[in-house]
């Protein structure tokens, strides 16, 4: 099955996931969604492998953000941090993916971990085995020659989701004082900032189209979806 990269972010159900990312992704907005809801349509689909078709990384360089070089800085003695872009986008993600895969292929002695995020990545290294400036030069060289693959092996996973259930509502209300808008629920807040009429409109949009999950972060099970 062929998937073209969307021109903009769409609301929809979770999936697909990167093939090198273990486990299924749970669809949700900061705890607003959980397992199964008899009041809403439940989608089921078996997991399968498909080709997610991507443009070349070189095509991304036409954009302003992608034409800019990656900004590098060191974190203490053992980390090299790379900021790919100021904004989170599929272009930034795939640029970071291309560079980190190129770094991994170098198999540099002393590189312990390469961790990719949406618009950045971080490399943990042993400074006794590889000097920081040597690592930085190698990563910059990898950046200069990095080209994304045309296809990405991935899976489409359809997950039953429970919206606005009493158990999740009880939990999220315990943290209202820490929310961006303490006067509304997660679903109400998500509907408003996405210019949707109400919670039902958000649920329909969220569950009605495919999502590409690039990473999980901030809170357990919270996917970054495009």
Protein backbone atom coordinates (compact mmCIF):
# COMPACT_ATOMS: atom_id res chain seq x y z
CA UNK A 1 0.00 0.00 0.00
CA UNK A 2 1.30 3.45 -0.91
CA UNK A 3 1.08 6.47 1.39
CA UNK A 4 2.03 9.95 0.20
CA UNK A 5 3.34 12.40 2.76
CA UNK A 6 0.54 14.80 3.73
CA UNK A 7 0.92 18.47 2.90
CA UNK A 8 -0.24 19.40 6.38
CA UNK A 9 -1.09 17.78 9.69
CA UNK A 10 -4.36 15.84 9.71
CA UNK A 11 -6.44 14.52 12.58
CA UNK A 12 -7.09 10.79 12.66
CA UNK A 13 -6.48 7.42 14.19
CA UNK A 14 -3.06 6.24 15.25
CA UNK A 15 -0.64 4.70 12.75
CA UNK A 16 1.52 3.85 11.05
CA UNK A 17 4.57 3.25 13.26
CA UNK A 18 8.20 3.04 12.26
CA UNK A 19 9.30 -0.53 11.78
CA UNK A 20 12.33 -0.04 14.01
CA UNK A 21 10.20 1.29 16.87
CA UNK A 22 8.98 -1.57 19.09
CA UNK A 23 5.38 -1.84 20.17
CA UNK A 24 2.11 -0.35 19.08
CA UNK A 25 1.36 3.33 19.53
CA UNK A 26 -1.61 4.40 21.61
CA UNK A 27 -3.70 7.16 20.14
CA UNK A 28 -4.53 10.01 22.52
CA UNK A 29 -4.10 13.53 23.77
CA UNK A 30 -2.46 13.70 27.20
CA UNK A 31 -4.64 10.99 28.72
CA UNK A 32 -7.88 11.93 27.01
CA UNK A 33 -8.12 8.58 25.19
CA UNK A 34 -7.77 5.02 26.46
CA UNK A 35 -8.91 1.53 25.50
CA UNK A 36 -12.43 0.75 24.25
CA UNK A 37 -15.68 2.72 24.07
CA UNK A 38 -19.03 1.11 23.27
CA UNK A 39 -20.51 4.55 22.58
CA UNK A 40 -18.15 5.27 19.72
CA UNK A 41 -17.18 3.38 16.62
CA UNK A 42 -14.37 0.91 17.24
CA UNK A 43 -11.90 0.28 14.42
CA UNK A 44 -9.96 -2.97 14.20
CA UNK A 45 -7.28 -3.84 11.70
CA UNK A 46 -4.61 -6.52 11.77
CA UNK A 47 -1.02 -5.34 11.84
CA UNK A 48 0.70 -5.60 8.47
CA UNK A 49 3.85 -4.39 6.79
CA UNK A 50 3.57 -1.82 4.04
CA UNK A 51 5.79 0.64 2.17
CA UNK A 52 5.45 4.22 3.38
CA UNK A 53 6.72 6.22 0.40
CA UNK A 54 8.92 9.21 1.17
CA UNK A 55 10.46 11.91 -1.00
CA UNK A 56 14.23 12.24 -1.07
CA UNK A 57 15.78 14.22 1.78
CA UNK A 58 17.37 16.40 -0.91
CA UNK A 59 13.86 17.55 -1.88
CA UNK A 60 13.39 18.85 1.66
CA UNK A 61 16.38 21.16 1.27
CA UNK A 62 14.25 23.43 -0.91
CA UNK A 63 12.42 24.59 2.23
CA UNK A 64 13.85 27.38 4.38
CA UNK A 65 14.18 25.29 7.55
CA UNK A 66 15.66 22.32 5.72
CA UNK A 67 18.19 24.47 3.88
CA UNK A 68 19.62 25.68 7.19
CA UNK A 69 22.47 23.65 8.70
CA UNK A 70 21.87 21.67 11.87
CA UNK A 71 22.90 23.51 15.06
CA UNK A 72 25.16 21.49 17.36
CA UNK A 73 26.02 21.93 21.04
CA UNK A 74 27.58 19.77 23.72
CA UNK A 75 25.79 18.68 26.87
CA UNK A 76 28.33 18.14 29.65
CA UNK A 77 31.12 15.73 28.68
CA UNK A 78 29.17 12.88 27.10
CA UNK A 79 26.42 14.29 24.88
CA UNK A 80 26.25 16.00 21.50
CA UNK A 81 22.88 17.68 20.91
CA UNK A 82 21.71 18.54 17.40
CA UNK A 83 18.80 20.92 16.69
CA UNK A 84 17.50 20.17 13.20
CA UNK A 85 14.78 22.83 13.06
CA UNK A 86 12.94 25.35 15.23
CA UNK A 87 9.61 23.80 14.22
CA UNK A 88 8.34 20.24 14.42
CA UNK A 89 7.53 18.89 10.96
CA UNK A 90 7.81 15.74 8.91
CA UNK A 91 10.61 17.39 6.95
CA UNK A 92 12.64 17.98 10.13
CA UNK A 93 11.94 14.45 11.36
CA UNK A 94 13.07 12.76 8.15
CA UNK A 95 16.14 14.96 7.91
CA UNK A 96 17.09 13.92 11.45
CA UNK A 97 16.31 10.30 10.60
CA UNK A 98 18.58 10.40 7.55
CA UNK A 99 21.47 11.94 9.51
CA UNK A 100 21.20 9.62 12.52
CA UNK A 101 21.07 6.55 10.28
CA UNK A 102 24.17 7.82 8.48
CA UNK A 103 25.91 8.25 11.85
CA UNK A 104 24.91 4.74 12.91
CA UNK A 105 26.35 3.30 9.70
CA UNK A 106 29.71 4.88 10.57
CA UNK A 107 29.90 2.60 13.63
CA UNK A 108 32.18 5.08 15.39
CA UNK A 109 34.12 3.70 18.32
CA UNK A 110 32.95 5.50 21.46
CA UNK A 111 29.42 6.33 20.28
CA UNK A 112 27.11 4.74 22.84
CA UNK A 113 23.61 5.92 21.88
CA UNK A 114 21.94 7.82 19.07
CA UNK A 115 18.51 9.12 20.11
CA UNK A 116 16.24 10.73 17.50
CA UNK A 117 13.36 13.10 18.32
CA UNK A 118 11.01 15.06 16.04
CA UNK A 119 13.21 18.04 15.28
CA UNK A 120 16.45 17.13 17.04
CA UNK A 121 18.69 14.26 18.04
CA UNK A 122 21.25 13.55 20.74
CA UNK A 123 24.33 11.36 20.70
CA UNK A 124 25.83 9.91 23.88
CA UNK A 125 29.52 9.13 23.60
CA UNK A 126 32.55 8.13 25.65
CA UNK A 127 35.03 11.05 25.54
CA UNK A 128 37.85 8.67 26.49
CA UNK A 129 37.30 6.75 23.25
CA UNK A 130 36.35 9.53 20.84
CA UNK A 131 37.23 13.21 21.21
CA UNK A 132 34.24 15.59 21.08
CA UNK A 133 35.60 17.57 18.12
CA UNK A 134 36.27 14.34 16.18
CA UNK A 135 32.69 13.22 16.76
CA UNK A 136 31.32 16.61 15.72
CA UNK A 137 33.31 16.56 12.47
CA UNK A 138 32.08 13.04 11.69
CA UNK A 139 28.44 13.97 12.33
CA UNK A 140 28.70 17.09 10.18
CA UNK A 141 30.15 14.97 7.38
CA UNK A 142 27.26 12.54 7.78
CA UNK A 143 24.83 15.45 7.61
CA UNK A 144 26.36 16.71 4.37
CA UNK A 145 25.95 13.35 2.66
CA UNK A 146 22.70 12.13 4.23
CA UNK A 147 19.91 11.18 1.84
CA UNK A 148 16.64 9.69 3.03
CA UNK A 149 15.46 6.39 1.61
CA UNK A 150 12.56 6.53 -0.85
CA UNK A 151 10.51 4.01 1.12
CA UNK A 152 10.15 3.28 4.80
CA UNK A 153 9.08 -0.18 5.93
CA UNK A 154 6.34 0.38 8.48
CA UNK A 155 3.12 -1.04 9.85
CA UNK A 156 -0.45 0.17 9.84
CA UNK A 157 -1.96 -0.48 13.25
CA UNK A 158 -5.57 0.23 14.11
CA UNK A 159 -6.24 0.66 17.84
CA UNK A 160 -9.60 0.70 19.65
CA UNK A 161 -9.87 4.01 21.53
CA UNK A 162 -12.07 5.12 24.41
CA UNK A 163 -12.93 8.83 24.48
CA UNK A 164 -14.34 10.84 27.36
CA UNK A 165 -14.72 7.85 29.66
CA UNK A 166 -15.34 8.41 33.40
CA UNK A 167 -12.10 6.72 34.52
CA UNK A 168 -9.80 8.84 32.38
CA UNK A 169 -11.85 11.94 33.19
CA UNK A 170 -11.40 11.30 36.91
CA UNK A 171 -7.64 10.97 36.43
CA UNK A 172 -7.16 14.04 34.26
CA UNK A 173 -9.16 16.21 36.67
CA UNK A 174 -6.53 15.56 39.34
CA UNK A 175 -4.02 17.52 37.26
CA UNK A 176 -6.13 20.51 36.21
CA UNK A 177 -3.91 22.98 38.05
CA UNK A 178 -0.98 21.94 35.81
CA UNK A 179 -2.88 22.12 32.53
CA UNK A 180 -2.60 24.93 29.97
CA UNK A 181 -6.28 25.67 30.60
CA UNK A 182 -7.40 24.49 34.07
CA UNK A 183 -10.99 25.43 33.25
CA UNK A 184 -11.44 22.82 30.51
CA UNK A 185 -10.82 19.11 29.97
CA UNK A 186 -8.12 17.74 27.68
CA UNK A 187 -10.67 17.02 24.96
CA UNK A 188 -12.25 20.47 25.21
CA UNK A 189 -8.83 22.12 25.09
CA UNK A 190 -7.74 20.00 22.10
CA UNK A 191 -10.95 20.82 20.22
CA UNK A 192 -10.57 24.55 20.82
CA UNK A 193 -6.92 24.93 19.82
CA UNK A 194 -7.61 22.93 16.64
CA UNK A 195 -10.53 25.23 15.75
CA UNK A 196 -13.09 22.44 16.00
CA UNK A 197 -16.69 23.08 17.03
CA UNK A 198 -16.82 20.78 20.05
CA UNK A 199 -15.53 17.56 21.60
CA UNK A 200 -17.57 15.37 19.23
CA UNK A 201 -15.97 17.12 16.24
CA UNK A 202 -12.52 16.52 17.72
CA UNK A 203 -13.27 12.82 18.28
CA UNK A 204 -14.55 12.47 14.70
CA UNK A 205 -11.43 14.15 13.30
CA UNK A 206 -9.05 12.30 15.60
CA UNK A 207 -10.42 8.86 14.73
CA UNK A 208 -11.30 9.47 11.09
CA UNK A 209 -7.97 9.52 9.25
CA UNK A 210 -4.54 7.83 9.39
CA UNK A 211 -1.73 9.24 11.52
CA UNK A 212 2.00 8.88 11.07
CA UNK A 213 3.61 8.37 14.51
CA UNK A 214 7.16 9.68 14.57
CA UNK A 215 7.96 9.35 18.29
CA UNK A 216 6.53 9.05 21.79
CA UNK A 217 7.43 11.50 24.53
CA UNK A 218 6.66 13.89 27.41
CA UNK A 219 4.20 11.49 29.05
CA UNK A 220 3.96 7.73 28.73
CA UNK A 221 2.16 6.67 25.57
CA UNK A 222 1.75 10.18 24.14
CA UNK A 223 2.50 9.92 20.40
CA UNK A 224 3.69 12.71 18.12
CA UNK A 225 1.42 12.33 15.11
CA UNK A 226 1.32 13.89 11.65
